[in-house]
């Protein structure tokens, strides 16, 4: 997602320079800066994508736990049945985990 945002916003400065500053005496210098921003954006995407892939591949299994579907479903159905018989009103500030005593 980071690369998508970088790619979308990386060309914005150059585009703004080309549309709004054309005809100014210092236009050439601004265009150089816009191109430098665009190149830095592309370079950062090329560098960060493989690094992010490696970090996710190596640390993902360590940080994430597998939840068995039967355990998840039994906990969820218990919570739903408890919610149906509960009089407590859940407001946007309250958590479902509080109601289900999880």
Protein backbone atom coordinates (compact mmCIF):
# COMPACT_ATOMS: atom_id res chain seq x y z
CA UNK A 1 0.00 0.00 0.00
CA UNK A 2 2.85 2.33 0.75
CA UNK A 3 4.18 1.95 -2.79
CA UNK A 4 0.75 2.75 -4.23
CA UNK A 5 0.59 6.00 -2.31
CA UNK A 6 4.19 6.88 -3.18
CA UNK A 7 3.51 6.18 -6.84
CA UNK A 8 0.36 8.28 -6.84
CA UNK A 9 1.85 11.24 -5.01
CA UNK A 10 5.38 11.12 -6.43
CA UNK A 11 4.42 12.71 -9.72
CA UNK A 12 2.20 15.41 -8.17
CA UNK A 13 4.94 18.02 -7.56
CA UNK A 14 6.24 17.78 -11.13
CA UNK A 15 2.73 17.96 -12.51
CA UNK A 16 1.95 21.06 -10.44
CA UNK A 17 5.20 22.70 -11.52
CA UNK A 18 4.50 22.00 -15.19
CA UNK A 19 0.95 23.35 -15.01
CA UNK A 20 1.27 26.30 -12.64
CA UNK A 21 4.81 27.62 -12.94
CA UNK A 22 5.37 27.46 -16.71
CA UNK A 23 6.60 30.79 -18.00
CA UNK A 24 8.29 31.91 -14.78
CA UNK A 25 11.98 32.79 -14.97
CA UNK A 26 12.90 30.09 -12.41
CA UNK A 27 10.77 27.39 -14.10
CA UNK A 28 13.79 25.29 -15.18
CA UNK A 29 15.08 24.98 -11.60
CA UNK A 30 11.63 23.99 -10.30
CA UNK A 31 11.33 21.39 -13.07
CA UNK A 32 14.70 19.90 -12.03
CA UNK A 33 13.47 19.67 -8.43
CA UNK A 34 10.19 18.06 -9.57
CA UNK A 35 12.12 15.45 -11.56
CA UNK A 36 14.36 14.77 -8.56
CA UNK A 37 11.28 14.16 -6.39
CA UNK A 38 9.86 11.80 -9.01
CA UNK A 39 13.13 9.86 -9.28
CA UNK A 40 13.48 9.65 -5.49
CA UNK A 41 9.95 8.28 -5.29
CA UNK A 42 10.65 5.58 -7.88
CA UNK A 43 13.94 4.70 -6.19
CA UNK A 44 12.30 4.39 -2.77
CA UNK A 45 9.60 2.09 -4.20
CA UNK A 46 12.27 -0.11 -5.82
CA UNK A 47 14.19 -0.31 -2.54
CA UNK A 48 11.32 -0.65 -0.07
CA UNK A 49 9.24 -3.27 -1.89
CA UNK A 50 11.73 -6.17 -1.60
CA UNK A 51 12.68 -5.19 1.94
CA UNK A 52 9.01 -5.15 2.96
CA UNK A 53 8.50 -8.53 1.32
CA UNK A 54 11.40 -10.03 3.28
CA UNK A 55 10.24 -8.54 6.57
CA UNK A 56 6.71 -9.87 6.08
CA UNK A 57 7.95 -13.29 4.99
CA UNK A 58 10.33 -13.65 7.93
CA UNK A 59 8.40 -11.99 10.76
CA UNK A 60 4.85 -12.81 9.71
CA UNK A 61 4.91 -16.40 11.01
CA UNK A 62 6.47 -15.20 14.27
CA UNK A 63 3.96 -12.42 14.92
CA UNK A 64 0.78 -14.08 13.68
CA UNK A 65 -0.92 -17.02 15.33
CA UNK A 66 -3.11 -19.56 13.60
CA UNK A 67 -6.69 -19.63 14.83
CA UNK A 68 -8.47 -22.89 14.26
CA UNK A 69 -11.85 -22.35 12.64
CA UNK A 70 -13.72 -24.60 15.08
CA UNK A 71 -12.41 -22.66 18.09
CA UNK A 72 -13.21 -19.37 16.41
CA UNK A 73 -16.72 -20.47 15.45
CA UNK A 74 -17.57 -21.81 18.90
CA UNK A 75 -16.32 -18.62 20.55
CA UNK A 76 -18.23 -16.50 18.06
CA UNK A 77 -21.49 -18.44 18.45
CA UNK A 78 -21.16 -18.27 22.26
CA UNK A 79 -20.68 -14.52 22.03
CA UNK A 80 -23.65 -14.06 19.69
CA UNK A 81 -25.96 -16.12 21.89
CA UNK A 82 -24.82 -14.19 24.93
CA UNK A 83 -25.45 -10.91 23.12
CA UNK A 84 -28.96 -12.00 22.14
CA UNK A 85 -29.89 -12.67 25.77
CA UNK A 86 -28.10 -9.65 27.13
CA UNK A 87 -29.92 -6.44 27.97
CA UNK A 88 -26.76 -4.38 27.74
CA UNK A 89 -26.73 -1.90 24.90
CA UNK A 90 -23.51 -1.78 22.93
CA UNK A 91 -22.52 1.77 22.14
CA UNK A 92 -19.78 2.78 19.71
CA UNK A 93 -17.42 3.33 22.65
CA UNK A 94 -17.94 -0.12 24.20
CA UNK A 95 -16.20 -3.24 23.01
CA UNK A 96 -17.83 -6.52 22.09
CA UNK A 97 -15.09 -8.30 24.03
CA UNK A 98 -16.34 -6.61 27.21
CA UNK A 99 -19.86 -7.93 26.64
CA UNK A 100 -18.64 -11.45 25.85
CA UNK A 101 -16.14 -11.53 28.71
CA UNK A 102 -13.33 -12.45 26.32
